[in-house]
């Protein structure tokens, strides 16, 4: 099998050739995919640009005639992704290496995102030191900052590209990790302020023969979990920490999007939903907090994260959203309400202790939840071991019920 190298050979031919030769010197087979559309390719490709655009449902001639660079990049990304997916399914490639600026990164990462988790994916990009969320998505893509623009070979680009090639060689040639695939997977969500609950709940799940994947509820974590559930990889969900819903509603920096808390419902995957960290909205450093939030209750989590307490009105809306999404589920679903606080700082005497705000959340759920959802009210704090035990036992019972 080969390593696929995705690049625009009209502008990055020299650099792609350098990567290709480094991989070959290390004993790796290569397969160069040309995603360019304008100038003359600097080197020969194993998969030509004509083939890439044909895979996207158009033609190189049409793309060049249109002279729309943005559309050309969109088509190149679509074509490269389809070709890479097919090559992997046919067993022809075992990793993907890309390089480029905004266009090359868009194309290269599109080809990487269609591959399964664990397949080596390395992208050398001029954008890697900035916001890369929309390039990486929910996949395990390794982004390497090119430092300088990728425009010819010099003392910096040679070394950085060589490091990228070495990283790919190391990934491909490393000893395979034994996957414990016979154990069904449980997805759980966690924040620092709900860690004890998830840690307590994880143990009985593992003792019950499950492997637990814990997702940090930072927006990307929730989106990744939803994607894995949608892909059919998850047998049950311990959604302890639904805080990303608050960021989406209020305007925080850790939103997982409007589709959060929907995949398990659609697929009928058993789920226990709790209210972890719904007392907070995540914002940036203090001096970046929008003026519209002046007068709100804040807590400085660290230099880069400022937490803002959710209000009774916001919690009322969050309760309705959770109840409605849970009630639409096709599979067994429970909502677990810890009545003594939903995070480590939402406890009697804590900085976010606001019983009226929590009460609005709880009552909204009671008002809107459907009869198909099991409502579990526990007069304990979310990090009390009893809450974790109830969550784990409830999910295990649900899974056993549908498996018989």
Protein backbone atom coordinates (compact mmCIF):
# COMPACT_ATOMS: atom_id res chain seq x y z
CA UNK A 1 0.00 0.00 0.00
CA UNK A 2 1.01 3.59 -0.60
CA UNK A 3 0.87 6.98 1.12
CA UNK A 4 -1.26 9.42 -0.85
CA UNK A 5 0.18 12.92 -1.23
CA UNK A 6 -2.41 15.57 -2.07
CA UNK A 7 -1.26 18.87 -3.51
CA UNK A 8 -1.71 21.43 -6.24
CA UNK A 9 1.11 20.51 -8.61
CA UNK A 10 0.93 23.78 -10.55
CA UNK A 11 1.98 25.76 -7.49
CA UNK A 12 3.44 23.16 -5.10
CA UNK A 13 5.05 20.66 -7.49
CA UNK A 14 8.58 21.12 -6.12
CA UNK A 15 7.46 20.67 -2.53
CA UNK A 16 5.31 17.63 -3.31
CA UNK A 17 8.24 16.05 -5.15
CA UNK A 18 10.43 16.65 -2.11
CA UNK A 19 7.93 14.91 0.17
CA UNK A 20 7.48 12.07 -2.32
CA UNK A 21 11.23 11.47 -2.53
CA UNK A 22 11.65 11.53 1.25
CA UNK A 23 8.94 8.91 1.65
CA UNK A 24 10.45 6.74 -1.07
CA UNK A 25 13.89 6.97 0.55
CA UNK A 26 12.26 5.64 3.72
CA UNK A 27 10.94 2.66 1.77
CA UNK A 28 7.36 3.92 1.39
CA UNK A 29 5.33 3.61 -1.79
CA UNK A 30 3.66 6.87 -2.80
CA UNK A 31 0.65 7.97 -4.83
CA UNK A 32 0.59 11.64 -5.85
CA UNK A 33 -2.82 13.26 -6.39
CA UNK A 34 -2.87 16.53 -8.34
CA UNK A 35 -5.59 18.90 -7.15
CA UNK A 36 -4.43 21.92 -9.15
CA UNK A 37 -6.39 23.58 -11.92
CA UNK A 38 -4.58 26.58 -13.36
CA UNK A 39 -0.92 26.39 -14.41
CA UNK A 40 1.15 23.52 -15.74
CA UNK A 41 1.85 20.71 -13.23
CA UNK A 42 5.42 20.82 -11.99
CA UNK A 43 5.69 17.02 -11.76
CA UNK A 44 3.78 14.01 -13.04
CA UNK A 45 0.86 12.78 -10.94
CA UNK A 46 -0.37 9.27 -10.30
CA UNK A 47 -3.91 10.65 -10.14
CA UNK A 48 -4.27 13.57 -12.53
CA UNK A 49 -6.26 16.76 -12.09
CA UNK A 50 -8.54 15.60 -14.88
CA UNK A 51 -9.42 12.54 -12.80
CA UNK A 52 -9.98 14.65 -9.69
CA UNK A 53 -12.47 16.98 -11.37
CA UNK A 54 -14.20 14.11 -13.14
CA UNK A 55 -14.73 12.50 -9.72
CA UNK A 56 -16.38 15.75 -8.62
CA UNK A 57 -18.84 15.57 -11.50
CA UNK A 58 -17.25 18.23 -13.68
CA UNK A 59 -14.21 18.52 -15.96
CA UNK A 60 -10.89 20.34 -15.95
CA UNK A 61 -11.92 22.16 -19.11
CA UNK A 62 -15.11 23.46 -17.49
CA UNK A 63 -13.23 24.53 -14.38
CA UNK A 64 -10.61 26.42 -16.35
CA UNK A 65 -13.25 28.03 -18.55
CA UNK A 66 -15.18 29.23 -15.51
CA UNK A 67 -12.04 30.87 -14.03
CA UNK A 68 -13.62 30.83 -10.56
CA UNK A 69 -10.86 29.92 -8.12
CA UNK A 70 -13.19 29.42 -5.18
CA UNK A 71 -15.42 27.01 -7.10
CA UNK A 72 -12.36 25.21 -8.45
CA UNK A 73 -11.15 24.57 -4.90
CA UNK A 74 -14.61 23.30 -3.89
CA UNK A 75 -14.68 20.85 -6.78
CA UNK A 76 -11.07 19.77 -6.19
CA UNK A 77 -11.86 19.07 -2.54
CA UNK A 78 -14.90 17.00 -3.47
CA UNK A 79 -13.05 15.05 -6.14
CA UNK A 80 -9.98 14.41 -4.01
CA UNK A 81 -12.16 13.19 -1.13
CA UNK A 82 -14.04 10.74 -3.33
CA UNK A 83 -10.83 9.37 -4.85
CA UNK A 84 -9.06 9.01 -1.49
CA UNK A 85 -12.08 7.27 0.03
CA UNK A 86 -12.23 4.80 -2.86
CA UNK A 87 -8.49 4.13 -2.79
CA UNK A 88 -8.60 3.40 0.93
CA UNK A 89 -11.61 1.10 0.60
CA UNK A 90 -9.76 -0.78 -2.14
CA UNK A 91 -6.71 -1.18 0.12
CA UNK A 92 -4.42 0.92 -2.05
CA UNK A 93 -3.45 3.63 0.46
CA UNK A 94 -2.60 3.58 4.16
CA UNK A 95 -2.22 7.28 4.91
CA UNK A 96 -2.65 10.78 3.47
CA UNK A 97 -0.14 13.63 3.51
CA UNK A 98 -1.07 17.10 2.32
CA UNK A 99 0.47 20.55 2.09
CA UNK A 100 -0.64 24.01 1.11
CA UNK A 101 -2.14 27.36 1.99
CA UNK A 102 -5.86 27.98 2.35
CA UNK A 103 -6.75 26.20 -0.90
CA UNK A 104 -4.39 23.29 -0.38
CA UNK A 105 -5.51 22.91 3.23
CA UNK A 106 -9.17 22.93 2.21
CA UNK A 107 -8.55 20.22 -0.39
CA UNK A 108 -6.14 18.09 1.62
CA UNK A 109 -8.19 17.99 4.81
CA UNK A 110 -11.38 17.25 2.87
CA UNK A 111 -9.65 14.12 1.61
CA UNK A 112 -8.56 13.25 5.15
CA UNK A 113 -11.94 13.72 6.81
CA UNK A 114 -13.51 10.90 4.76
CA UNK A 115 -11.08 8.35 6.20
CA UNK A 116 -11.70 6.24 9.32
CA UNK A 117 -10.18 7.11 12.69
CA UNK A 118 -6.66 5.76 13.04
CA UNK A 119 -5.63 6.12 9.40
CA UNK A 120 -2.56 8.45 9.44
CA UNK A 121 -3.45 11.98 8.30
CA UNK A 122 -0.83 14.76 8.22
CA UNK A 123 -1.46 18.26 6.86
CA UNK A 124 1.34 20.83 6.52
CA UNK A 125 -0.43 24.17 6.40
CA UNK A 126 0.24 27.88 6.56
CA UNK A 127 -2.95 28.10 8.63
CA UNK A 128 -2.10 25.53 11.28
CA UNK A 129 -1.32 28.09 14.00
CA UNK A 130 -4.77 29.65 13.72
CA UNK A 131 -8.37 28.46 13.86
CA UNK A 132 -8.36 24.98 12.29
CA UNK A 133 -11.68 23.65 13.57
CA UNK A 134 -13.38 23.70 10.16
CA UNK A 135 -10.41 21.91 8.57
CA UNK A 136 -9.98 19.18 11.19
CA UNK A 137 -13.67 18.70 11.91
CA UNK A 138 -14.09 15.62 14.10
CA UNK A 139 -11.26 13.58 12.58
CA UNK A 140 -7.76 12.77 13.88
CA UNK A 141 -5.86 15.07 11.54
CA UNK A 142 -2.35 16.13 12.54
CA UNK A 143 -1.84 19.79 11.55
CA UNK A 144 1.77 21.00 11.18
CA UNK A 145 2.44 24.72 10.90
CA UNK A 146 4.62 25.47 7.89
CA UNK A 147 6.00 28.64 9.62
CA UNK A 148 6.80 30.32 6.29
CA UNK A 149 4.67 30.19 3.17
CA UNK A 150 5.06 27.01 1.16
CA UNK A 151 6.76 28.63 -1.80
CA UNK A 152 9.92 26.84 -2.81
CA UNK A 153 12.43 24.92 -0.73
CA UNK A 154 14.58 26.70 1.83
CA UNK A 155 16.22 25.91 5.15
CA UNK A 156 12.86 26.12 6.95
CA UNK A 157 10.55 24.38 4.51
CA UNK A 158 12.99 21.51 3.93
CA UNK A 159 13.16 20.73 7.64
CA UNK A 160 9.45 21.13 8.31
CA UNK A 161 8.44 19.05 5.30
CA UNK A 162 11.03 16.45 6.32
CA UNK A 163 9.49 16.32 9.79
CA UNK A 164 6.06 15.81 8.25
CA UNK A 165 7.36 12.99 6.09
CA UNK A 166 9.06 11.40 9.10
CA UNK A 167 5.83 11.69 11.09
CA UNK A 168 3.95 9.88 8.33
CA UNK A 169 6.59 7.15 8.10
CA UNK A 170 6.48 6.69 11.87
CA UNK A 171 2.70 6.43 11.91
CA UNK A 172 2.53 3.95 9.06
CA UNK A 173 5.41 1.77 10.24
CA UNK A 174 4.62 1.80 13.96
CA UNK A 175 3.55 -1.38 15.65
CA UNK A 176 -0.20 -1.87 15.20
CA UNK A 177 -2.27 -1.18 18.29
CA UNK A 178 -4.53 -4.05 19.27
CA UNK A 179 -8.09 -2.77 19.19
CA UNK A 180 -10.35 -4.22 21.87
CA UNK A 181 -13.17 -4.36 19.34
CA UNK A 182 -15.15 -7.06 21.07
CA UNK A 183 -16.18 -4.61 23.80
CA UNK A 184 -19.11 -2.33 22.92
CA UNK A 185 -18.46 1.39 23.28
CA UNK A 186 -20.07 3.82 25.71
CA UNK A 187 -19.76 7.55 25.03
CA UNK A 188 -19.58 9.91 28.01
CA UNK A 189 -19.24 13.71 28.22
CA UNK A 190 -17.11 15.44 30.82
CA UNK A 191 -15.87 18.84 31.98
CA UNK A 192 -13.42 19.57 34.75
CA UNK A 193 -16.37 20.52 36.95
CA UNK A 194 -18.10 17.16 36.33
CA UNK A 195 -15.04 14.91 36.33
CA UNK A 196 -15.87 13.05 39.59
CA UNK A 197 -19.29 12.03 38.27
CA UNK A 198 -17.91 10.62 35.02
CA UNK A 199 -15.02 8.90 36.78
CA UNK A 200 -17.40 7.20 39.22
CA UNK A 201 -19.81 6.20 36.43
CA UNK A 202 -17.07 4.86 34.18
CA UNK A 203 -16.04 2.09 36.58
CA UNK A 204 -19.33 0.13 36.65
CA UNK A 205 -19.61 0.50 32.87
CA UNK A 206 -16.17 -1.05 32.42
CA UNK A 207 -16.94 -3.75 34.94
CA UNK A 208 -20.06 -4.48 32.90
CA UNK A 209 -17.94 -5.28 29.84
CA UNK A 210 -17.99 -1.92 28.06
CA UNK A 211 -15.23 0.37 26.88
CA UNK A 212 -15.87 4.03 27.74
CA UNK A 213 -14.91 6.90 25.44
CA UNK A 214 -14.90 10.20 27.35
CA UNK A 215 -15.42 13.38 25.33
CA UNK A 216 -14.39 16.78 26.67
CA UNK A 217 -17.45 19.00 26.23
CA UNK A 218 -15.59 21.77 24.43
CA UNK A 219 -17.69 21.98 21.30
CA UNK A 220 -15.43 19.78 19.25
CA UNK A 221 -15.86 17.01 21.82
CA UNK A 222 -19.63 17.08 21.57
CA UNK A 223 -19.58 17.22 17.77
CA UNK A 224 -17.17 14.28 17.64
CA UNK A 225 -19.35 12.22 19.94
CA UNK A 226 -22.45 13.01 17.88
CA UNK A 227 -20.60 11.97 14.72
CA UNK A 228 -19.51 8.65 16.24
CA UNK A 229 -23.05 7.93 17.38
CA UNK A 230 -24.36 8.76 13.90
CA UNK A 231 -21.74 6.41 12.43
CA UNK A 232 -23.15 3.54 14.50
CA UNK A 233 -20.05 3.12 16.68
CA UNK A 234 -21.69 3.72 20.08
CA UNK A 235 -23.83 1.29 22.10
CA UNK A 236 -24.91 3.71 24.82
CA UNK A 237 -24.48 7.33 25.92
CA UNK A 238 -23.76 8.78 29.36
CA UNK A 239 -24.37 12.41 28.42
CA UNK A 240 -23.45 13.73 31.83
CA UNK A 241 -22.21 17.13 30.63
CA UNK A 242 -24.58 18.97 28.29
CA UNK A 243 -22.98 22.38 28.80
CA UNK A 244 -22.39 22.89 25.06
CA UNK A 245 -26.12 23.56 24.73
CA UNK A 246 -25.72 26.64 26.96
CA UNK A 247 -22.91 28.00 24.79
CA UNK A 248 -25.04 27.51 21.67
CA UNK A 249 -28.02 29.25 23.25
CA UNK A 250 -26.27 32.20 24.88
CA UNK A 251 -23.28 32.72 22.59
CA UNK A 252 -20.33 31.04 24.27
CA UNK A 253 -17.14 29.85 22.61
CA UNK A 254 -17.68 26.10 23.12
CA UNK A 255 -20.87 25.42 21.20
CA UNK A 256 -21.24 22.04 19.50
CA UNK A 257 -23.92 23.38 17.16
CA UNK A 258 -27.69 23.05 16.98
CA UNK A 259 -27.54 19.29 16.37
CA UNK A 260 -26.07 18.53 19.78
CA UNK A 261 -28.14 15.92 21.64
CA UNK A 262 -29.77 14.52 18.49
CA UNK A 263 -27.71 11.59 17.13
CA UNK A 264 -28.61 9.09 19.85
CA UNK A 265 -32.26 10.08 19.56
CA UNK A 266 -32.28 9.53 15.80
CA UNK A 267 -30.45 6.18 15.93
CA UNK A 268 -32.35 4.87 18.95
CA UNK A 269 -29.18 4.49 21.05
CA UNK A 270 -29.89 4.18 24.80
CA UNK A 271 -28.96 7.40 26.58
CA UNK A 272 -28.88 8.89 30.05
CA UNK A 273 -28.88 12.67 29.82
CA UNK A 274 -27.83 14.82 32.74
CA UNK A 275 -27.38 18.56 33.21
CA UNK A 276 -23.66 18.86 33.87
CA UNK A 277 -22.25 22.42 33.71
CA UNK A 278 -25.48 23.96 32.42
CA UNK A 279 -24.84 26.59 35.08
CA UNK A 280 -22.18 28.12 32.86
CA UNK A 281 -21.40 29.66 29.49
CA UNK A 282 -17.77 29.62 28.37
CA UNK A 283 -16.23 32.90 27.21
CA UNK A 284 -12.67 33.96 26.44
CA UNK A 285 -10.26 36.11 28.50
CA UNK A 286 -11.87 38.78 30.70
CA UNK A 287 -11.04 41.61 28.30
CA UNK A 288 -12.77 39.76 25.42
CA UNK A 289 -16.14 39.31 27.14
CA UNK A 290 -18.82 41.10 25.05
CA UNK A 291 -20.21 44.29 26.56
CA UNK A 292 -23.75 42.92 26.28
CA UNK A 293 -22.91 40.64 29.21
CA UNK A 294 -22.01 43.47 31.61
CA UNK A 295 -23.53 42.97 35.03
CA UNK A 296 -23.66 39.17 34.76
CA UNK A 297 -22.11 36.79 37.29
CA UNK A 298 -18.62 35.64 36.23
CA UNK A 299 -15.98 33.22 37.45
CA UNK A 300 -12.38 33.28 36.20
CA UNK A 301 -11.60 29.65 35.31
CA UNK A 302 -8.12 30.48 33.99
CA UNK A 303 -6.40 33.22 31.98
CA UNK A 304 -8.09 32.13 28.77
CA UNK A 305 -11.55 31.06 29.96
CA UNK A 306 -14.12 33.18 31.76
CA UNK A 307 -17.26 31.40 32.94
CA UNK A 308 -20.61 33.22 33.02
CA UNK A 309 -23.53 31.98 35.13
CA UNK A 310 -26.69 31.07 33.23
CA UNK A 311 -29.84 32.89 34.32
CA UNK A 312 -33.22 31.44 35.29
CA UNK A 313 -34.60 32.54 31.90
CA UNK A 314 -31.79 30.82 30.00
CA UNK A 315 -32.16 27.68 32.10
CA UNK A 316 -35.89 27.63 31.38
CA UNK A 317 -35.11 27.56 27.64
CA UNK A 318 -32.39 24.93 28.09
CA UNK A 319 -34.74 22.69 30.05
CA UNK A 320 -37.32 22.85 27.27
CA UNK A 321 -34.71 22.06 24.61
CA UNK A 322 -33.38 19.05 26.50
CA UNK A 323 -36.87 17.74 27.27
CA UNK A 324 -38.01 18.06 23.66
CA UNK A 325 -34.90 16.45 22.20
CA UNK A 326 -35.07 13.61 24.72
CA UNK A 327 -38.78 13.09 24.08
CA UNK A 328 -38.15 12.70 20.36
CA UNK A 329 -35.73 9.79 20.92
CA UNK A 330 -36.44 6.46 19.24
CA UNK A 331 -34.59 4.48 21.92
CA UNK A 332 -34.62 4.22 25.73
CA UNK A 333 -33.91 7.63 27.25
CA UNK A 334 -33.62 9.00 30.79
CA UNK A 335 -32.98 12.49 32.12
CA UNK A 336 -31.08 12.58 35.41
CA UNK A 337 -31.56 15.77 37.46
CA UNK A 338 -29.11 16.31 40.35
CA UNK A 339 -31.13 18.71 42.50
CA UNK A 340 -28.23 19.91 44.68
CA UNK A 341 -26.16 21.40 41.85
CA UNK A 342 -24.94 20.67 38.32
CA UNK A 343 -21.22 21.49 38.55
CA UNK A 344 -18.37 21.73 41.03
CA UNK A 345 -18.93 25.49 41.39
CA UNK A 346 -22.74 25.17 41.49
CA UNK A 347 -22.91 23.92 45.06
CA UNK A 348 -24.08 25.48 48.30
CA UNK A 349 -21.56 28.25 49.02
CA UNK A 350 -19.96 28.01 45.58
CA UNK A 351 -19.52 30.96 43.17
CA UNK A 352 -22.30 29.77 40.84
CA UNK A 353 -24.75 28.55 43.50
CA UNK A 354 -28.09 30.01 42.43
CA UNK A 355 -30.96 27.74 43.49
CA UNK A 356 -33.56 29.77 41.60
CA UNK A 357 -31.68 29.35 38.31
CA UNK A 358 -31.34 25.60 38.82
CA UNK A 359 -34.98 25.35 39.83
CA UNK A 360 -35.99 26.97 36.53
CA UNK A 361 -34.01 24.33 34.66
CA UNK A 362 -35.55 21.45 36.61
CA UNK A 363 -39.10 22.73 36.36
CA UNK A 364 -38.83 23.36 32.63
CA UNK A 365 -37.81 19.75 32.10
CA UNK A 366 -40.74 18.56 34.18
CA UNK A 367 -43.09 20.75 32.15
CA UNK A 368 -41.97 19.64 28.71
CA UNK A 369 -40.69 16.06 28.99
CA UNK A 370 -42.75 13.36 27.31
CA UNK A 371 -44.02 10.16 28.91
CA UNK A 372 -41.53 8.00 27.03
CA UNK A 373 -38.61 9.54 28.93
CA UNK A 374 -37.65 8.26 32.36
CA UNK A 375 -37.19 11.23 34.69
CA UNK A 376 -34.76 10.63 37.55
CA UNK A 377 -34.70 13.30 40.26
CA UNK A 378 -31.88 12.79 42.73
CA UNK A 379 -31.54 15.05 45.78
CA UNK A 380 -27.75 15.02 45.49
CA UNK A 381 -25.01 17.07 43.83
CA UNK A 382 -23.91 15.92 40.38
CA UNK A 383 -20.49 14.87 41.68
CA UNK A 384 -21.95 12.73 44.45
CA UNK A 385 -21.08 9.05 43.78
CA UNK A 386 -24.77 8.15 44.17
CA UNK A 387 -25.62 10.20 41.06
CA UNK A 388 -22.96 8.43 39.03
CA UNK A 389 -24.14 5.05 40.25
CA UNK A 390 -27.72 5.78 39.23
CA UNK A 391 -26.59 7.01 35.81
CA UNK A 392 -24.49 3.90 35.14
CA UNK A 393 -27.08 1.43 36.44
CA UNK A 394 -29.83 3.08 34.41
CA UNK A 395 -27.83 2.96 31.18
CA UNK A 396 -26.77 -0.64 31.74
CA UNK A 397 -30.39 -1.66 32.31
CA UNK A 398 -31.45 0.12 29.10
CA UNK A 399 -28.77 -1.61 27.04
CA UNK A 400 -29.67 -5.02 28.45
CA UNK A 401 -33.33 -4.39 27.70
CA UNK A 402 -32.84 -3.73 23.98
CA UNK A 403 -30.25 -6.49 23.59
CA UNK A 404 -32.73 -9.20 24.59
